[in-house]
Amino acid sequence: MTFRLLRCTALLLSCALSVSAAPAKDGGAESKSAPDGGTRLPRRFNWEVPGIVSETEIPGVTWAMGVPVKMHAVTVKGKVEDSMRYLYDSFIKQGLYVEARLQMGPILTGVDPDNLMTYSAVFQENAPGYVTIVMGEANILKSKPPQGADFIPLFPGAHSVLRSSIEGSDTLVYFAPVNAEEKVRAFYKDALSKTGYQVDPQDPSTYFKGSEQVTLQTKLKDGQVSVFATRRGPAVQP
């Protein structure tokens, strides 16, 4: 899975969990009772995305913070705002509760409170006139408590921590309360060397221990450092 998709996984889950308990409002989901007093059939949601020029299947299910998330991505012709508006209207038409505010960028999330399903889309502009939409479906009812310790230690004061696992890879995403990437990288160089990892001489962001490979990516933003760490195995030693 690419770094961009890993980042989108974290964004999708963050939005899904933040609105999963939100109540339905006007224009959102209805109750389960049908007008005649009977029971309405479970809602079936369909992704309605016009202008698709390519699709990317993301096999399997991503387990993030104990919640199973099914993901796929498409590239469409158009602008981000137009794609967001179309999906927003589709969410409302299909009876989802839609969170009014944008969180962490151009993200749209709809909630089916009857079935405790969340549907989220991350919009990213590519070449002029094209937009990539990464879509995720989170099933809150099938959530499980995360098990085991993190594969690397967290930087002191870490917050907004998200964990996911897919295709033999574990991912750890969080923010470190420092204003210099060098401090985070130095922290991990010391911590990982103490647990037997060796740095890749060709890529200082990659560490190896036996068949395991840990990759760290950092980015300074708004006075703090975002950290994206992945563990894969088996890996080929350099």
Foldseek 3Di string as FASTA:
>chain_A
DDPVVVVVVLVFVVVLVVCLPPDADVLAADDQADPVRHGHDDQDADQDFPAFDDWAADDDWKQKQQWTKGKIKTKGFADLVVRLVVRVVSNSVSRWGWDDDDDPASKTKTADNVQSKIKMWDWDDDPPRMIMIMIMIIRPVRGDHDDDDDPFDDAPPWDSWMWIDDDQKIKIKTKAQAQDVVVVLVVRVVRVVVVAWDADPVDRQWIDHQQKIKGWDWDGDPRIIIIMIMIHGRHDDD
